[in-house]
Amino acid sequence: MKEEPMEDVANESESNESSDESMEGENANESQTESKSQVYLPGQALQEGEELTVDKSAYKLLHHAQSGAPCLSFDVIPDDLGNSRESYPLNMYIVAGTQAARTHVNNLLVMKMSNLHGNKQHSDSESESSDSEDEDDKSKPVMNVAPIKHQGCINRVRCTKIGGGILAASWSELGRVNIWNLQEQLSAVENSSLLTAYRNKCDKASADIKPLYAFKGHLSEGFGLDWSCLEPGTLASGDCKGNIHIWRVDNSGASWHIDQRPYNSHAPHSVEDLQWSPSEKNVLASCSVDRSIKIWDMRASPQNACMLTASGTHMADINVISWNPKESQFIVSGGDDGMLCVWDLRQFEPNGTSPVATFKQHTAPVTTVEWHPTEATVFASGGADDQIAQWDLSVEADHTEESQDSVLAKLPPQLLFIHQGQSDIKELHWHPQCPGTIISTAHSGFNIFRTISV
């Protein structure tokens, strides 16, 4: 499925180059006059005259947003709007980091996406007269953006809630990890006059916003970065030389302690991703270019901290891992080989460990994977093949039904949905407070969507 061009519905201009942000919405119930429509799967050749169009009936929500320069990484900012939000329109907040053409024009972007209407909501207005432009304006999604100038491309960004405030950690390509307080930016995106004043202030070179703290102890740039969900203010960062450092903030939030002794069993290979355990505050998982996943006990000294290792299945770099928040014995990994592996920590053995499930749907490196926040058997993956796939491990093959399409019959039964329309997908996250909603970033921009499958 390829996303069709969408109407430009909002625009906020930013004060630096490559900074034109916009947000667009899809109406899933618009009438279509398609003939001989068929299911398309990635990798199939198109015949002359064939074109791809999105199956709008397959989405409950579908929006597209542009941030100017592409963003390699982002995170969902927790908010106070309530959990289990399924009534539309939705509002949500994210923090994202740009990959601009020039090192010194990058930004950390605090974004509020509001008025995100679900596709079904538009069906009511289709039967009404089209004389209400005001009504159309009310249904348009809006995106407000408060930028923070950032030295270097942002390899990864992660945020956390500490007390009543929101902090973000950013990994710079220049080899530094920065900590930022996002309170001023979150206040600015709530009010147009405050946002204008904030942008005017940021235009002054002397008013550059400084991080709360910057760590320069890593030996190179990196990608591994994760806040603990069980111990607020605890952060793990890993670099391309194989070193992992643990951060802890004091109770006042004013000072940071970073253990200068790195956890470096992956060295000299790059640490690609880090994940704190959702159930044990001292346990950390890492994956690496060395094609292994390691489980660490952070109470032990660095030379004795690695408890478990899994390797031998991925045939190339392991890029990403995700720890199941509901069933904490499971981790899913994705690698440069396009493979997804589901691991059971109870089966890790010193002489080799096999995953409990493997999938080879992706035809290019897997760049992002994440378990659903509340559905223990569901996860989503994305990659350089421009696919986002939704999976449900609880689904089994139904041999009583024979597929009429031999191509579809070859798909694993656990594959629920394939979302396309973005190029070079970098990262996805389920919104933890909006059930079934995924936000994804790619070189072509952001998608915000919910499928009928989850």
Protein backbone atom coordinates (compact mmCIF):
# COMPACT_ATOMS: atom_id res chain seq x y z
CA MET A 1 0.00 0.00 0.00
CA LYS A 2 1.30 3.41 -0.87
CA GLU A 3 -0.03 6.51 0.78
CA GLU A 4 -1.74 8.88 -1.62
CA PRO A 5 -0.97 12.60 -1.65
CA MET A 6 -2.84 14.34 1.15
CA GLU A 7 -4.21 17.82 1.50
CA ASP A 8 -1.89 20.29 3.23
CA VAL A 9 -3.76 21.33 6.33
CA ALA A 10 -1.34 23.11 8.63
CA ASN A 11 1.98 24.89 8.47
CA GLU A 12 4.37 26.32 11.05
CA SER A 13 7.54 27.95 9.68
CA GLU A 14 10.70 27.63 11.75
CA SER A 15 13.55 30.10 11.94
CA ASN A 16 16.40 27.97 10.55
CA GLU A 17 17.06 26.28 7.23
CA SER A 18 15.22 23.07 6.31
CA SER A 19 12.57 23.85 8.90
CA ASP A 20 9.19 23.86 7.17
CA GLU A 21 6.79 21.79 9.28
CA SER A 22 3.36 20.69 8.17
CA MET A 23 0.71 18.18 9.01
CA GLU A 24 -1.77 16.43 6.80
CA GLY A 25 -4.75 14.15 7.31
CA GLU A 26 -6.33 11.25 5.45
CA ASN A 27 -10.04 10.63 5.16
CA ALA A 28 -10.45 6.89 5.07
CA ASN A 29 -14.04 6.99 3.85
CA GLU A 30 -13.67 9.05 0.69
CA SER A 31 -15.35 7.37 -2.23
CA GLN A 32 -13.03 5.65 -4.65
CA THR A 33 -13.62 4.32 -8.11
CA GLU A 34 -11.07 1.56 -8.20
CA SER A 35 -11.24 -1.23 -10.71
CA LYS A 36 -9.69 -4.64 -10.35
CA SER A 37 -7.95 -3.69 -7.11
CA GLN A 38 -5.61 -6.35 -5.77
CA VAL A 39 -3.54 -6.82 -2.64
CA TYR A 40 0.05 -5.67 -3.12
CA LEU A 41 2.92 -7.17 -1.17
CA PRO A 42 6.39 -5.57 -0.94
CA GLY A 43 8.72 -6.89 -3.60
CA GLN A 44 6.08 -7.56 -6.22
CA ALA A 45 6.68 -6.04 -9.65
CA LEU A 46 4.11 -3.57 -10.93
CA GLN A 47 2.75 -4.04 -14.43
CA GLU A 48 2.66 -1.14 -16.86
CA GLY A 49 -0.15 1.21 -15.91
CA GLU A 50 -0.52 -0.17 -12.38
CA GLU A 51 -0.17 2.15 -9.42
CA LEU A 52 -0.35 1.75 -5.66
CA THR A 53 -3.08 3.36 -3.57
CA VAL A 54 -3.77 3.13 0.13
CA ASP A 55 -6.68 0.95 1.25
CA LYS A 56 -8.29 3.59 3.42
CA SER A 57 -10.84 1.20 4.90
CA ALA A 58 -7.96 -0.59 6.66
CA TYR A 59 -7.22 2.41 8.93
CA LYS A 60 -9.01 3.89 11.90
CA LEU A 61 -6.57 6.81 11.91
CA LEU A 62 -4.06 8.00 9.32
CA HIS A 63 -2.12 11.27 9.29
CA HIS A 64 1.15 12.48 7.84
CA ALA A 65 3.48 15.20 9.18
CA GLN A 66 6.61 16.95 7.94
CA SER A 67 9.31 18.34 10.23
CA GLY A 68 11.62 19.96 7.68
CA ALA A 69 14.87 18.04 8.06
CA PRO A 70 14.22 14.30 8.54
CA CYS A 71 14.32 12.89 12.07
CA LEU A 72 16.29 9.72 12.81
CA SER A 73 14.75 9.29 16.25
CA PHE A 74 11.87 10.47 18.44
CA ASP A 75 10.04 9.55 21.61
CA VAL A 76 6.49 9.95 22.88
CA ILE A 77 6.19 12.49 25.70
CA PRO A 78 3.91 11.27 28.52
CA ASP A 79 1.02 13.66 29.11
CA ASP A 80 -1.83 14.27 31.56
CA LEU A 81 -4.66 13.83 29.04
CA GLY A 82 -5.57 10.38 30.32
CA ASN A 83 -4.89 6.77 29.41
CA SER A 84 -6.78 4.51 26.99
CA ARG A 85 -7.82 7.45 24.82
CA GLU A 86 -9.89 6.14 21.90
CA SER A 87 -12.30 9.02 21.29
CA TYR A 88 -11.29 11.33 18.44
CA PRO A 89 -9.83 13.84 17.84
CA LEU A 90 -6.60 12.94 19.61
CA ASN A 91 -3.83 15.18 20.91
CA MET A 92 -0.28 13.91 21.48
CA TYR A 93 3.23 15.16 22.15
CA ILE A 94 6.61 13.93 20.91
CA VAL A 95 10.25 15.00 21.04
CA ALA A 96 12.32 14.36 17.90
CA GLY A 97 15.86 14.97 16.70
CA THR A 98 16.81 16.14 13.21
CA GLN A 99 19.40 14.98 10.71
CA ALA A 100 20.03 18.20 8.80
CA ALA A 101 22.39 18.59 5.85
CA ARG A 102 24.76 20.67 7.97
CA THR A 103 25.93 19.70 11.47
CA HIS A 104 25.23 23.05 13.11
CA VAL A 105 21.64 23.53 11.98
CA ASN A 106 20.16 20.55 13.81
CA ASN A 107 17.35 20.84 16.31
CA LEU A 108 15.64 18.96 19.07
CA LEU A 109 11.94 19.43 18.25
CA VAL A 110 9.18 19.42 20.87
CA MET A 111 5.98 18.82 18.91
CA LYS A 112 2.29 18.93 19.77
CA MET A 113 0.05 17.17 17.26
CA SER A 114 -3.58 18.07 17.85
CA ASN A 115 -7.02 17.62 16.30
CA LEU A 116 -6.15 14.18 14.93
CA HIS A 117 -9.52 12.99 13.70
CA GLY A 118 -10.24 9.33 13.19
CA ASN A 119 -11.29 8.21 9.74
CA LYS A 120 -14.79 7.15 10.77
CA GLN A 121 -15.53 10.60 12.08
CA HIS A 122 -15.37 12.06 8.57
CA SER A 123 -18.05 9.69 7.28
CA ASP A 124 -20.77 11.66 9.04
CA SER A 125 -19.92 14.87 7.22
CA GLU A 126 -19.82 13.23 3.79
CA SER A 127 -23.61 13.06 3.70
CA GLU A 128 -23.92 16.73 4.57
CA SER A 129 -23.71 19.73 2.30
CA SER A 130 -20.19 20.82 1.43
CA ASP A 131 -20.92 24.50 2.02
CA SER A 132 -19.19 24.63 5.40
CA GLU A 133 -15.53 25.55 4.95
CA ASP A 134 -15.47 26.41 8.64
CA GLU A 135 -16.37 22.83 9.43
CA ASP A 136 -13.51 21.63 7.21
CA ASP A 137 -11.09 23.91 9.04
CA LYS A 138 -12.20 22.48 12.37
CA SER A 139 -11.34 18.96 11.21
CA LYS A 140 -7.81 19.79 10.10
CA PRO A 141 -4.95 18.45 12.19
CA VAL A 142 -2.49 20.99 13.62
CA MET A 143 1.17 20.68 14.60
CA ASN A 144 3.01 23.18 16.82
CA VAL A 145 6.79 22.88 17.09
CA ALA A 146 9.20 24.42 19.60
CA PRO A 147 12.83 23.87 18.47
CA ILE A 148 16.01 23.69 20.54
CA LYS A 149 19.27 24.24 18.66
CA HIS A 150 21.41 21.13 18.90
CA GLN A 151 25.09 20.65 18.09
CA GLY A 152 25.33 17.72 15.70
CA CYS A 153 22.83 15.32 14.19
CA ILE A 154 20.71 13.56 16.82
CA ASN A 155 21.30 9.81 16.61
CA ARG A 156 18.74 8.95 19.26
CA VAL A 157 16.47 10.76 21.71
CA ARG A 158 14.60 9.38 24.72
CA CYS A 159 12.46 11.19 27.28
CA THR A 160 11.24 10.47 30.79
CA LYS A 161 9.02 11.97 33.44
CA ILE A 162 10.74 12.89 36.70
CA GLY A 163 8.49 14.40 39.33
CA GLY A 164 6.30 16.84 37.47
CA GLY A 165 8.77 17.58 34.68
CA ILE A 166 9.88 16.04 31.39
CA LEU A 167 13.56 15.43 30.64
CA ALA A 168 15.03 14.29 27.33
CA ALA A 169 18.40 12.68 26.61
CA SER A 170 19.92 13.14 23.15
CA TRP A 171 22.84 11.29 21.54
CA SER A 172 24.83 13.65 19.31
CA GLU A 173 26.92 12.49 16.36
CA LEU A 174 29.67 14.63 17.93
CA GLY A 175 30.04 12.08 20.73
CA ARG A 176 28.11 13.84 23.51
CA VAL A 177 25.00 12.85 25.42
CA ASN A 178 22.90 15.85 26.52
CA ILE A 179 20.12 16.14 29.09
CA TRP A 180 17.37 18.71 28.42
CA ASN A 181 14.49 20.12 30.44
CA LEU A 182 11.51 20.40 28.06
CA GLN A 183 9.15 22.39 30.28
CA GLU A 184 9.54 25.71 28.47
CA GLN A 185 8.97 24.10 25.07
CA LEU A 186 5.91 22.16 26.27
CA SER A 187 4.41 25.39 27.58
CA ALA A 188 5.14 27.15 24.28
CA VAL A 189 3.38 24.60 22.06
CA GLU A 190 0.19 25.02 24.11
CA ASN A 191 -0.27 28.69 23.27
CA SER A 192 0.26 30.51 19.96
CA SER A 193 1.44 33.76 21.55
CA LEU A 194 3.88 31.91 23.82
CA LEU A 195 5.16 29.95 20.82
CA THR A 196 5.74 33.14 18.83
CA ALA A 197 7.63 34.70 21.75
CA TYR A 198 9.66 31.52 22.20
CA ARG A 199 10.63 31.42 18.52
CA ASN A 200 11.60 35.07 18.56
CA LYS A 201 13.84 34.41 21.54
CA CYS A 202 15.44 31.44 19.81
CA ASP A 203 16.28 33.60 16.77
CA LYS A 204 18.83 35.44 18.88
CA ALA A 205 22.18 33.66 18.76
CA SER A 206 22.96 34.75 22.32
CA ALA A 207 19.81 33.02 23.59
CA ASP A 208 20.77 29.45 22.68
CA ILE A 209 19.22 27.06 25.17
CA LYS A 210 21.80 25.04 27.07
CA PRO A 211 21.39 21.44 28.20
CA LEU A 212 21.08 20.71 31.90
CA TYR A 213 24.08 18.43 31.58
CA ALA A 214 26.40 17.16 28.84
CA PHE A 215 28.52 14.01 29.14
CA LYS A 216 31.68 13.87 27.04
CA GLY A 217 33.14 10.67 28.49
CA HIS A 218 32.15 8.34 25.66
CA LEU A 219 35.00 7.50 23.28
CA SER A 220 32.85 7.98 20.17
CA GLU A 221 29.29 8.70 19.08
CA GLY A 222 26.60 6.14 19.80
CA PHE A 223 23.00 5.01 19.47
CA GLY A 224 22.17 3.04 22.62
CA LEU A 225 20.03 5.10 25.00
CA ASP A 226 17.28 4.19 27.47
CA TRP A 227 15.69 5.54 30.66
CA SER A 228 14.66 3.11 33.37
CA CYS A 229 10.90 2.91 33.87
CA LEU A 230 11.36 1.52 37.40
CA GLU A 231 14.00 3.91 38.75
CA PRO A 232 13.27 7.51 37.63
CA GLY A 233 16.38 9.42 36.63
CA THR A 234 18.45 6.34 35.75
CA LEU A 235 19.81 6.34 32.19
CA ALA A 236 21.99 3.95 30.17
CA SER A 237 24.01 5.14 27.15
CA GLY A 238 26.12 3.01 24.80
CA ASP A 239 28.60 4.04 22.11
CA CYS A 240 30.13 2.71 18.91
CA LYS A 241 33.27 1.52 20.76
CA GLY A 242 31.23 -0.94 22.83
CA ASN A 243 31.13 1.05 26.08
CA ILE A 244 28.00 1.40 28.22
CA HIS A 245 27.75 4.05 30.96
CA ILE A 246 25.08 4.30 33.66
CA TRP A 247 23.73 7.67 34.79
CA ARG A 248 21.84 8.53 37.95
CA VAL A 249 20.38 11.88 38.98
CA ASP A 250 20.22 12.97 42.61
CA ASN A 251 16.91 13.59 44.37
CA SER A 252 17.02 17.30 43.62
CA GLY A 253 17.50 16.69 39.90
CA ALA A 254 20.35 19.19 39.90
CA SER A 255 23.38 16.92 39.57
CA TRP A 256 24.24 13.71 37.74
CA HIS A 257 26.49 10.84 38.72
CA ILE A 258 27.95 8.78 35.88
CA ASP A 259 30.00 5.69 36.54
CA GLN A 260 33.25 6.27 34.64
CA ARG A 261 33.90 2.51 34.49
CA PRO A 262 32.19 1.30 31.32
CA TYR A 263 30.40 -2.01 30.88
CA ASN A 264 32.24 -3.16 27.78
CA SER A 265 31.79 -6.87 27.05
CA HIS A 266 30.70 -5.93 23.52
CA ALA A 267 33.94 -3.99 22.85
CA PRO A 268 35.29 -3.19 20.36
CA HIS A 269 31.94 -3.65 18.58
CA SER A 270 29.26 -0.96 18.61
CA VAL A 271 26.38 -1.08 21.10
CA GLU A 272 23.36 -0.48 18.87
CA ASP A 273 20.47 -0.50 21.37
CA LEU A 274 19.78 -0.66 25.11
CA GLN A 275 16.66 -1.67 27.04
CA TRP A 276 16.07 -1.63 30.79
CA SER A 277 14.06 -4.51 32.18
CA PRO A 278 10.39 -3.62 32.78
CA SER A 279 10.34 -5.77 35.94
CA GLU A 280 13.82 -5.66 37.54
CA LYS A 281 15.38 -2.26 38.11
CA ASN A 282 19.01 -3.44 38.04
CA VAL A 283 18.81 -5.48 34.83
CA LEU A 284 19.73 -4.10 31.40
CA ALA A 285 19.75 -5.65 27.90
CA SER A 286 22.02 -4.63 25.04
CA CYS A 287 22.52 -5.63 21.41
CA SER A 288 25.52 -5.10 19.21
CA VAL A 289 27.27 -5.26 15.86
CA ASP A 290 28.87 -8.42 17.28
CA ARG A 291 25.49 -10.14 16.60
CA SER A 292 24.79 -10.83 20.26
CA ILE A 293 22.28 -9.82 22.93
CA LYS A 294 23.62 -9.47 26.48
CA ILE A 295 21.77 -9.27 29.80
CA TRP A 296 23.53 -7.28 32.54
CA ASP A 297 23.20 -7.08 36.32
CA MET A 298 24.14 -3.49 37.02
CA ARG A 299 24.77 -4.19 40.73
CA ALA A 300 27.92 -6.12 39.80
CA SER A 301 31.25 -4.67 38.75
CA PRO A 302 31.59 -4.05 35.00
CA GLN A 303 33.86 -7.06 34.45
CA ASN A 304 31.36 -9.41 36.17
CA ALA A 305 28.05 -7.82 35.20
CA CYS A 306 27.21 -9.77 32.02
CA MET A 307 24.90 -12.58 33.13
CA LEU A 308 23.48 -14.00 29.89
CA THR A 309 24.37 -13.89 26.19
CA ALA A 310 22.42 -14.96 23.11
CA SER A 311 24.11 -15.21 19.73
CA GLY A 312 24.40 -17.37 16.64
CA THR A 313 21.03 -16.72 15.00
CA HIS A 314 21.34 -13.27 13.46
CA MET A 315 23.72 -13.37 10.51
CA ALA A 316 24.53 -9.66 10.68
CA ASP A 317 24.49 -6.70 13.10
CA ILE A 318 21.64 -6.67 15.62
CA ASN A 319 20.27 -3.14 15.34
CA VAL A 320 17.35 -3.00 17.77
CA ILE A 321 15.76 -4.83 20.68
CA SER A 322 12.53 -4.41 22.65
CA TRP A 323 11.72 -5.87 26.06
CA ASN A 324 8.13 -7.06 26.47
CA PRO A 325 6.53 -4.81 29.13
CA LYS A 326 3.80 -7.34 30.02
CA GLU A 327 5.69 -10.66 29.78
CA SER A 328 9.21 -9.70 30.79
CA GLN A 329 10.78 -13.06 29.89
CA PHE A 330 10.55 -12.12 26.19
CA ILE A 331 12.75 -9.86 24.06
CA VAL A 332 12.39 -9.27 20.32
CA SER A 333 15.36 -8.29 18.14
CA GLY A 334 15.85 -7.03 14.60
CA GLY A 335 19.01 -7.04 12.50
CA ASP A 336 20.74 -6.03 9.31
CA ASP A 337 19.84 -9.48 7.95
CA GLY A 338 16.16 -8.44 7.91
CA MET A 339 15.40 -11.07 10.52
CA LEU A 340 13.17 -10.71 13.59
CA CYS A 341 13.88 -13.03 16.53
CA VAL A 342 11.80 -13.55 19.67
CA TRP A 343 13.87 -14.70 22.65
CA ASP A 344 12.84 -16.32 25.93
CA LEU A 345 15.30 -15.30 28.65
CA ARG A 346 14.53 -18.51 30.55
CA GLN A 347 16.15 -20.46 27.72
CA PHE A 348 19.44 -18.55 27.54
CA GLU A 349 22.26 -21.10 27.77
CA PRO A 350 26.07 -20.60 28.02
CA ASN A 351 26.69 -22.84 25.01
CA GLY A 352 24.16 -21.24 22.69
CA THR A 353 20.56 -20.10 22.64
CA SER A 354 17.91 -20.44 19.97
CA PRO A 355 15.03 -17.97 19.62
CA VAL A 356 11.50 -19.23 20.21
CA ALA A 357 10.37 -17.64 16.93
CA THR A 358 11.99 -16.10 13.83
CA PHE A 359 10.44 -14.12 10.97
CA LYS A 360 11.97 -13.07 7.66
CA GLN A 361 9.34 -10.73 6.23
CA HIS A 362 11.63 -7.71 5.92
CA THR A 363 13.80 -7.63 2.81
CA ALA A 364 16.27 -5.02 4.14
CA PRO A 365 17.74 -4.16 7.55
CA VAL A 366 15.28 -3.94 10.45
CA THR A 367 15.73 -0.49 11.98
CA THR A 368 13.00 -0.44 14.64
CA VAL A 369 10.96 -2.89 16.70
CA GLU A 370 8.67 -2.44 19.69
CA TRP A 371 6.24 -4.53 21.72
CA HIS A 372 2.70 -3.26 22.16
CA PRO A 373 2.45 -1.55 25.59
CA THR A 374 -0.53 -3.63 26.78
CA GLU A 375 -0.99 -6.58 24.39
CA ALA A 376 1.65 -9.13 25.41
CA THR A 377 1.69 -11.02 22.09
CA VAL A 378 1.70 -8.03 19.69
CA PHE A 379 4.69 -6.09 18.36
CA ALA A 380 5.53 -3.90 15.38
CA SER A 381 8.68 -3.75 13.24
CA GLY A 382 9.98 -1.43 10.55
CA GLY A 383 12.94 -1.26 8.24
CA ALA A 384 14.85 0.09 5.29
CA ASP A 385 12.50 -1.81 2.98
CA ASP A 386 9.86 0.88 3.67
CA GLN A 387 7.60 -1.54 5.56
CA ILE A 388 6.03 -1.39 8.98
CA ALA A 389 4.66 -4.78 9.98
CA GLN A 390 2.30 -5.59 12.83
CA TRP A 391 2.62 -9.06 14.39
CA ASP A 392 0.59 -11.17 16.81
CA LEU A 393 2.36 -14.24 18.17
CA SER A 394 -0.90 -15.71 19.45
CA VAL A 395 -2.20 -16.33 15.91
CA GLU A 396 -1.81 -19.83 14.55
CA ALA A 397 -2.16 -21.10 11.01
CA ASP A 398 -5.70 -22.14 10.08
CA HIS A 399 -5.21 -25.11 7.77
CA THR A 400 -8.96 -25.53 7.31
CA GLU A 401 -9.09 -22.44 5.11
CA GLU A 402 -7.25 -22.53 1.83
CA SER A 403 -6.21 -19.15 0.54
CA GLN A 404 -7.29 -18.27 -2.97
CA ASP A 405 -4.08 -16.28 -3.38
CA SER A 406 -0.88 -18.32 -3.36
CA VAL A 407 1.14 -15.19 -2.52
CA LEU A 408 -0.90 -14.47 0.61
CA ALA A 409 -0.75 -18.13 1.59
CA LYS A 410 3.03 -17.87 1.94
CA LEU A 411 2.80 -15.12 4.57
CA PRO A 412 3.29 -16.14 8.20
CA PRO A 413 -0.08 -16.27 10.00
CA GLN A 414 1.32 -14.03 12.75
CA LEU A 415 1.67 -11.14 10.29
CA LEU A 416 -1.38 -8.94 10.83
CA PHE A 417 -0.74 -5.88 8.69
CA ILE A 418 1.80 -4.19 6.40
CA HIS A 419 1.86 -0.39 6.39
CA GLN A 420 3.70 1.44 3.62
CA GLY A 421 3.99 4.96 2.23
CA GLN A 422 7.17 6.10 3.98
CA SER A 423 10.69 5.85 2.60
CA ASP A 424 13.64 4.64 4.72
CA ILE A 425 11.82 4.05 8.01
CA LYS A 426 13.96 4.79 11.06
CA GLU A 427 11.89 4.40 14.21
CA LEU A 428 8.38 3.63 15.46
CA HIS A 429 6.64 3.80 18.82
CA TRP A 430 3.24 2.71 20.02
CA HIS A 431 1.56 5.59 21.84
CA PRO A 432 1.21 4.21 25.39
CA GLN A 433 -1.90 6.30 26.13
CA CYS A 434 -3.72 5.94 22.78
CA PRO A 435 -4.42 2.21 22.24
CA GLY A 436 -3.30 0.75 18.92
CA THR A 437 -1.84 4.04 17.65
CA ILE A 438 1.63 3.99 16.07
CA ILE A 439 3.87 6.96 15.31
CA SER A 440 6.73 6.36 12.88
CA THR A 441 9.52 8.51 11.49
CA ALA A 442 11.33 8.12 8.16
CA HIS A 443 13.33 10.22 5.73
CA SER A 444 9.98 11.15 4.16
CA GLY A 445 8.43 12.40 7.43
CA PHE A 446 6.13 11.14 10.17
CA ASN A 447 3.07 8.89 10.00
CA ILE A 448 0.47 8.64 12.77
CA PHE A 449 -1.89 5.73 12.24
CA ARG A 450 -4.05 3.04 13.74
CA THR A 451 -5.02 0.01 11.71
CA ILE A 452 -8.14 -2.12 12.00
CA SER A 453 -5.90 -5.03 13.03
CA VAL A 454 -4.85 -3.78 16.47
